[in-house]
C-alpha cells in the first residue's frame, strides 16, 4: 500500500500558516508528499526545500487572478497537486491543518483495511477547530464536524467548491468510512495583526473586496470549549510562542434560543439536526 500526501500553499509565511508543521505532520505515514507551491511573495518555497526530505515533490504553480469566486482557486490548486500523486491513497491536508501523531496507527489501519473495498472511496476524519488561541475550540453549528481527507487515487474524484472536501466529477457524494482520528484546524489561531493581514489578502479569492480594517477583533457569539488534550508535537513550538491575548469570556456569550436548543440536543445525543454532510457513510 502506498500513501501519497498532497497539499498546496502560497505565501504561507506572510499569512502565518503553520504550513511547515502541516507538512511534517503527515510525512511519517506518507511515501511521497506532493506540494503545489504557488507564486509566492515570500520565502515559502525555500522553507519547504529546507525541510530536506526526499519524499517531498514540489509542483510550481501560478494562481490565475481571474478565478476569484467562491474560493474556487483553492480547489483548482488542490486538483493540480492531486494530479501528481502516484499512491493507492491520497492523503490531503491544508496548510492550516495538522495531524496528531497519536492517530498514525488508526489512519494506517483504516487505509489498509479499506484498500480493496469497492464500497469505500474515501476516509472521513473528525475536525477540531481551534479559535483565538490554542486553548479553545468551536463547538457550534458554524464549524463542520467531519470531512474527507483521504481518498482513493481515482481520476474521477475532484476537490469540491472551495476545497473543503471531495466529490466525484459528476458531483456525486463519495462513499466513505469514518475513522477515529481528527484533523486539528488552526486557521483561526493567529495574532490579531496576522488575522487582519490574512483577511485582506484572502478576501478577493471569494470575489470580495480586500478588507481595509483598522484592527481585527476576535468575536464569537457562541460558547467555546476549553481544550484539555495535547497538541501535535510539531505544533508545540508555536503553542509556546503564542504572543497575543485572547479576550474570551464564556460568561458573555450570546446564543439564540434555537442555537441553545440545538446545542443541548447535540450534547445529549451526539446528533446535530439537519447537519450538512458532504459524504455518504458506508458500512
Protein backbone atom coordinates (compact mmCIF):
# COMPACT_ATOMS: atom_id res chain seq x y z
CA UNK A 1 0.00 0.00 0.00
CA UNK A 2 1.32 3.41 -0.98
CA UNK A 3 0.07 6.66 0.54
CA UNK A 4 0.64 9.95 -1.26
CA UNK A 5 0.17 13.16 0.65
CA UNK A 6 -0.87 16.25 -1.27
CA UNK A 7 -1.44 19.89 -0.42
CA UNK A 8 -0.99 23.43 -1.72
CA UNK A 9 0.32 26.68 -0.29
CA UNK A 10 1.04 30.24 -1.35
CA UNK A 11 2.53 32.99 0.81
CA UNK A 12 2.49 30.70 3.82
CA UNK A 13 4.86 32.96 5.75
CA UNK A 14 3.03 36.20 5.01
CA UNK A 15 -0.29 34.61 6.01
CA UNK A 16 1.23 32.96 9.09
CA UNK A 17 0.05 29.47 8.16
CA UNK A 18 1.57 26.54 10.07
CA UNK A 19 2.33 25.03 6.67
CA UNK A 20 5.67 23.50 7.67
CA UNK A 21 4.06 21.86 10.69
CA UNK A 22 1.20 20.68 8.49
CA UNK A 23 3.59 19.07 6.01
CA UNK A 24 5.68 17.46 8.72
CA UNK A 25 2.62 16.08 10.48
CA UNK A 26 1.75 13.68 7.64
CA UNK A 27 5.22 12.94 6.25
CA UNK A 28 5.84 9.97 8.60
CA UNK A 29 2.94 7.97 7.15
CA UNK A 30 3.30 9.09 3.51
CA UNK A 31 5.53 7.55 0.86
CA UNK A 32 5.55 10.83 -1.03
CA UNK A 33 4.14 14.31 -0.49
CA UNK A 34 3.21 16.50 -3.46
CA UNK A 35 3.02 20.23 -2.72
CA UNK A 36 1.63 22.72 -5.23
CA UNK A 37 3.60 25.83 -4.31
CA UNK A 38 2.04 28.99 -5.66
CA UNK A 39 3.86 32.07 -6.94
CA UNK A 40 4.60 33.46 -3.50
CA UNK A 41 5.95 36.84 -2.48
CA UNK A 42 7.82 35.38 0.48
CA UNK A 43 10.21 32.50 1.16
CA UNK A 44 7.56 29.79 1.42
CA UNK A 45 9.21 27.64 -1.26
CA UNK A 46 12.69 27.98 0.25
CA UNK A 47 11.44 26.87 3.65
CA UNK A 48 9.83 23.77 2.15
CA UNK A 49 13.07 22.94 0.35
CA UNK A 50 14.83 23.49 3.67
CA UNK A 51 12.97 20.54 5.16
CA UNK A 52 15.35 18.45 3.04
CA UNK A 53 13.02 15.47 2.82
CA UNK A 54 13.26 13.24 -0.27
CA UNK A 55 9.56 12.39 -0.01
CA UNK A 56 8.61 15.98 -0.89
CA UNK A 57 7.85 16.80 -4.53
CA UNK A 58 7.24 20.47 -5.37
CA UNK A 59 4.98 21.47 -8.24
CA UNK A 60 5.34 25.17 -9.01
CA UNK A 61 2.08 26.90 -9.90
CA UNK A 62 0.82 30.34 -10.85
CA UNK A 63 -2.53 31.35 -9.38
CA UNK A 64 -4.94 32.65 -12.00
CA UNK A 65 -6.12 36.11 -10.84
CA UNK A 66 -9.31 35.68 -12.86
CA UNK A 67 -10.51 32.82 -10.63
CA UNK A 68 -11.98 34.83 -7.80
CA UNK A 69 -15.37 33.32 -7.00
CA UNK A 70 -16.23 31.15 -4.03
CA UNK A 71 -12.63 30.19 -3.27
CA UNK A 72 -12.53 28.03 -6.42
CA UNK A 73 -8.81 28.70 -6.89
CA UNK A 74 -8.22 26.59 -3.78
CA UNK A 75 -9.95 23.59 -5.37
CA UNK A 76 -8.00 24.15 -8.57
CA UNK A 77 -4.69 24.10 -6.71
CA UNK A 78 -5.79 21.01 -4.79
CA UNK A 79 -6.59 19.22 -8.04
CA UNK A 80 -3.23 20.18 -9.51
CA UNK A 81 -1.42 18.62 -6.56
CA UNK A 82 -3.67 15.53 -6.71
CA UNK A 83 -2.88 15.01 -10.40
CA UNK A 84 0.78 14.33 -9.49
CA UNK A 85 0.26 11.69 -6.80
CA UNK A 86 1.04 8.05 -7.53
CA UNK A 87 -0.16 6.21 -4.41
CA UNK A 88 -3.14 3.99 -3.76
CA UNK A 89 -4.41 6.59 -1.32
CA UNK A 90 -4.19 10.37 -1.44
CA UNK A 91 -3.87 11.99 2.00
CA UNK A 92 -4.97 15.61 1.64
CA UNK A 93 -4.18 18.30 4.14
CA UNK A 94 -4.48 22.06 4.02
CA UNK A 95 -1.80 24.49 5.16
CA UNK A 96 -3.58 25.29 8.43
CA UNK A 97 -4.43 21.67 9.27
CA UNK A 98 -2.25 19.34 11.34
CA UNK A 99 -2.49 15.64 12.20
CA UNK A 100 -1.65 14.47 15.70
CA UNK A 101 0.88 11.65 15.78
CA UNK A 102 -1.37 9.66 18.10
CA UNK A 103 -3.63 8.95 15.12
CA UNK A 104 -1.00 7.44 12.83
CA UNK A 105 -1.79 3.81 13.66
CA UNK A 106 -5.54 4.33 13.24
CA UNK A 107 -5.06 6.04 9.87
CA UNK A 108 -2.79 3.28 8.59
CA UNK A 109 -5.16 0.59 9.86
CA UNK A 110 -8.18 2.12 8.15
CA UNK A 111 -6.28 2.70 4.90
CA UNK A 112 -5.06 -0.89 4.83
CA UNK A 113 -8.40 -2.47 5.73
CA UNK A 114 -10.33 -0.47 3.14
CA UNK A 115 -7.78 -0.51 0.33
CA UNK A 116 -9.59 -3.19 -1.67
CA UNK A 117 -13.12 -2.42 -0.53
CA UNK A 118 -15.02 -1.14 -3.61
CA UNK A 119 -17.65 0.42 -1.34
CA UNK A 120 -15.13 2.84 0.15
CA UNK A 121 -13.86 5.80 -1.88
CA UNK A 122 -12.51 7.85 0.99
CA UNK A 123 -11.88 8.10 4.73
CA UNK A 124 -13.68 10.55 6.95
CA UNK A 125 -11.88 12.48 9.71
CA UNK A 126 -13.25 14.37 12.67
CA UNK A 127 -12.33 18.05 12.90
CA UNK A 128 -11.33 20.18 15.87
CA UNK A 129 -11.41 23.88 15.00
CA UNK A 130 -9.33 26.00 17.34
CA UNK A 131 -10.30 29.63 17.72
CA UNK A 132 -8.44 32.64 19.07
CA UNK A 133 -5.87 30.61 20.96
CA UNK A 134 -4.64 27.06 21.31
CA UNK A 135 -6.80 26.63 24.41
CA UNK A 136 -10.28 26.90 22.89
CA UNK A 137 -12.18 25.28 20.04
CA UNK A 138 -15.56 25.81 18.44
CA UNK A 139 -18.50 23.50 19.08
CA UNK A 140 -21.36 25.37 17.37
CA UNK A 141 -23.00 24.66 14.02
CA UNK A 142 -20.65 27.18 12.42
CA UNK A 143 -17.92 24.55 12.49
CA UNK A 144 -18.17 21.37 10.41
CA UNK A 145 -17.52 18.26 12.48
CA UNK A 146 -16.26 15.88 9.78
CA UNK A 147 -14.74 15.98 6.32
CA UNK A 148 -12.94 13.72 3.84
CA UNK A 149 -9.16 13.88 3.99
CA UNK A 150 -8.09 10.57 2.46
CA UNK A 151 -9.30 9.44 -0.95
CA UNK A 152 -8.61 6.52 -3.26
CA UNK A 153 -6.44 7.70 -6.13
CA UNK A 154 -9.26 7.66 -8.68
CA UNK A 155 -9.23 10.16 -11.53
CA UNK A 156 -12.94 10.92 -11.14
CA UNK A 157 -12.51 12.25 -7.58
CA UNK A 158 -12.03 16.01 -7.50
CA UNK A 159 -11.83 18.81 -4.96
CA UNK A 160 -15.22 20.30 -4.14
CA UNK A 161 -16.13 24.00 -4.21
CA UNK A 162 -13.53 25.87 -2.04
CA UNK A 163 -11.58 22.67 -1.32
CA UNK A 164 -13.37 21.82 1.91
CA UNK A 165 -13.87 18.23 0.73
CA UNK A 166 -14.19 15.98 -2.32
CA UNK A 167 -16.82 14.66 -4.71
CA UNK A 168 -16.91 12.66 -7.92
CA UNK A 169 -16.60 14.53 -11.21
CA UNK A 170 -20.40 14.26 -11.70
CA UNK A 171 -20.93 15.97 -8.31
CA UNK A 172 -21.88 12.74 -6.56
CA UNK A 173 -21.01 12.44 -2.87
CA UNK A 174 -18.25 9.94 -2.09
CA UNK A 175 -18.81 6.77 -0.10
CA UNK A 176 -16.60 6.92 2.97
CA UNK A 177 -15.67 5.03 6.08
CA UNK A 178 -15.40 7.08 9.27
CA UNK A 179 -12.28 6.58 11.37
CA UNK A 180 -11.34 7.50 14.90
CA UNK A 181 -8.94 10.32 14.05
CA UNK A 182 -9.11 14.10 13.96
CA UNK A 183 -7.69 16.94 11.94
CA UNK A 184 -6.59 19.87 14.11
CA UNK A 185 -7.55 23.06 12.29
CA UNK A 186 -5.59 26.17 13.31
CA UNK A 187 -6.88 28.60 10.69
CA UNK A 188 -8.33 30.90 13.34
CA UNK A 189 -5.31 30.90 15.64
CA UNK A 190 -3.14 33.87 14.74
CA UNK A 191 -2.33 37.19 16.30
CA UNK A 192 -4.98 39.84 15.53
CA UNK A 193 -2.45 41.58 13.28
CA UNK A 194 -1.86 38.38 11.28
CA UNK A 195 -5.60 37.73 11.00
CA UNK A 196 -6.08 41.23 9.64
CA UNK A 197 -3.38 40.67 7.02
CA UNK A 198 -4.83 37.32 6.05
CA UNK A 199 -8.35 38.68 5.58
CA UNK A 200 -7.04 41.47 3.39
CA UNK A 201 -5.12 39.08 1.12
CA UNK A 202 -7.63 36.22 1.03
CA UNK A 203 -10.93 38.12 0.63
CA UNK A 204 -10.51 38.54 -3.17
CA UNK A 205 -10.47 34.74 -3.61
CA UNK A 206 -14.17 34.81 -2.75
CA UNK A 207 -14.90 37.79 -5.01
CA UNK A 208 -14.87 40.17 -2.07
CA UNK A 209 -13.05 43.46 -1.82
CA UNK A 210 -9.88 43.44 0.26
CA UNK A 211 -10.94 44.46 3.70
CA UNK A 212 -9.45 47.71 4.91
CA UNK A 213 -9.57 47.10 8.64
CA UNK A 214 -8.07 49.35 11.25
CA UNK A 215 -7.89 46.33 13.56
CA UNK A 216 -9.05 42.76 13.88
CA UNK A 217 -11.00 41.64 16.93
CA UNK A 218 -11.82 38.06 17.80
CA UNK A 219 -15.57 37.82 18.17
CA UNK A 220 -17.63 34.68 18.72
CA UNK A 221 -21.24 34.79 19.83
CA UNK A 222 -21.42 31.18 20.94
CA UNK A 223 -19.67 29.28 23.66
CA UNK A 224 -16.23 27.85 23.00
CA UNK A 225 -14.93 24.75 24.72
CA UNK A 226 -11.67 24.55 26.64
CA UNK A 227 -9.15 22.19 25.09
CA UNK A 228 -7.76 19.76 27.66
CA UNK A 229 -5.80 17.50 25.33
CA UNK A 230 -2.35 17.74 23.78
CA UNK A 231 -1.34 19.41 20.56
CA UNK A 232 0.70 17.58 17.90
CA UNK A 233 4.42 17.56 18.62
CA UNK A 234 5.13 19.63 15.51
CA UNK A 235 2.92 22.41 16.90
CA UNK A 236 4.42 22.68 20.38
CA UNK A 237 6.85 25.47 19.49
CA UNK A 238 4.04 27.59 18.03
CA UNK A 239 1.90 26.96 21.09
CA UNK A 240 4.72 28.02 23.42
CA UNK A 241 5.42 31.15 21.35
CA UNK A 242 1.86 32.48 21.32
CA UNK A 243 2.33 36.21 21.93
CA UNK A 244 -1.16 37.71 21.93
CA UNK A 245 -4.04 37.82 24.36
CA UNK A 246 -7.34 36.20 23.53
CA UNK A 247 -10.02 38.13 25.47
CA UNK A 248 -12.61 35.37 25.64
CA UNK A 249 -15.18 35.48 28.43
CA UNK A 250 -17.55 32.46 28.46
CA UNK A 251 -19.97 34.47 30.58
CA UNK A 252 -20.51 36.97 27.77
CA UNK A 253 -21.52 34.56 25.01
CA UNK A 254 -24.79 35.20 23.19
CA UNK A 255 -26.88 32.49 21.56
CA UNK A 256 -30.44 32.39 20.29
CA UNK A 257 -32.97 30.02 21.84
CA UNK A 258 -32.77 27.90 18.68
CA UNK A 259 -28.98 27.68 18.92
CA UNK A 260 -29.12 26.79 22.60
CA UNK A 261 -31.69 24.05 21.94
CA UNK A 262 -29.66 22.62 19.07
CA UNK A 263 -26.50 22.56 21.18
CA UNK A 264 -28.38 20.95 24.10
CA UNK A 265 -29.72 18.18 21.86
CA UNK A 266 -26.27 17.60 20.39
CA UNK A 267 -24.74 17.44 23.85
CA UNK A 268 -27.30 14.88 25.00
CA UNK A 269 -27.50 12.70 21.89
CA UNK A 270 -24.45 13.50 19.77
CA UNK A 271 -26.83 14.34 16.89
CA UNK A 272 -26.75 17.64 15.05
CA UNK A 273 -30.14 18.40 13.50
CA UNK A 274 -30.05 18.92 9.71
CA UNK A 275 -26.26 18.70 9.68
CA UNK A 276 -24.63 19.31 6.29
CA UNK A 277 -22.73 16.22 5.17
CA UNK A 278 -20.58 16.28 2.08
CA UNK A 279 -20.27 12.48 2.03
CA UNK A 280 -22.14 9.19 2.43
CA UNK A 281 -21.00 6.92 5.25
CA UNK A 282 -20.89 3.29 4.18
CA UNK A 283 -20.75 0.23 6.41
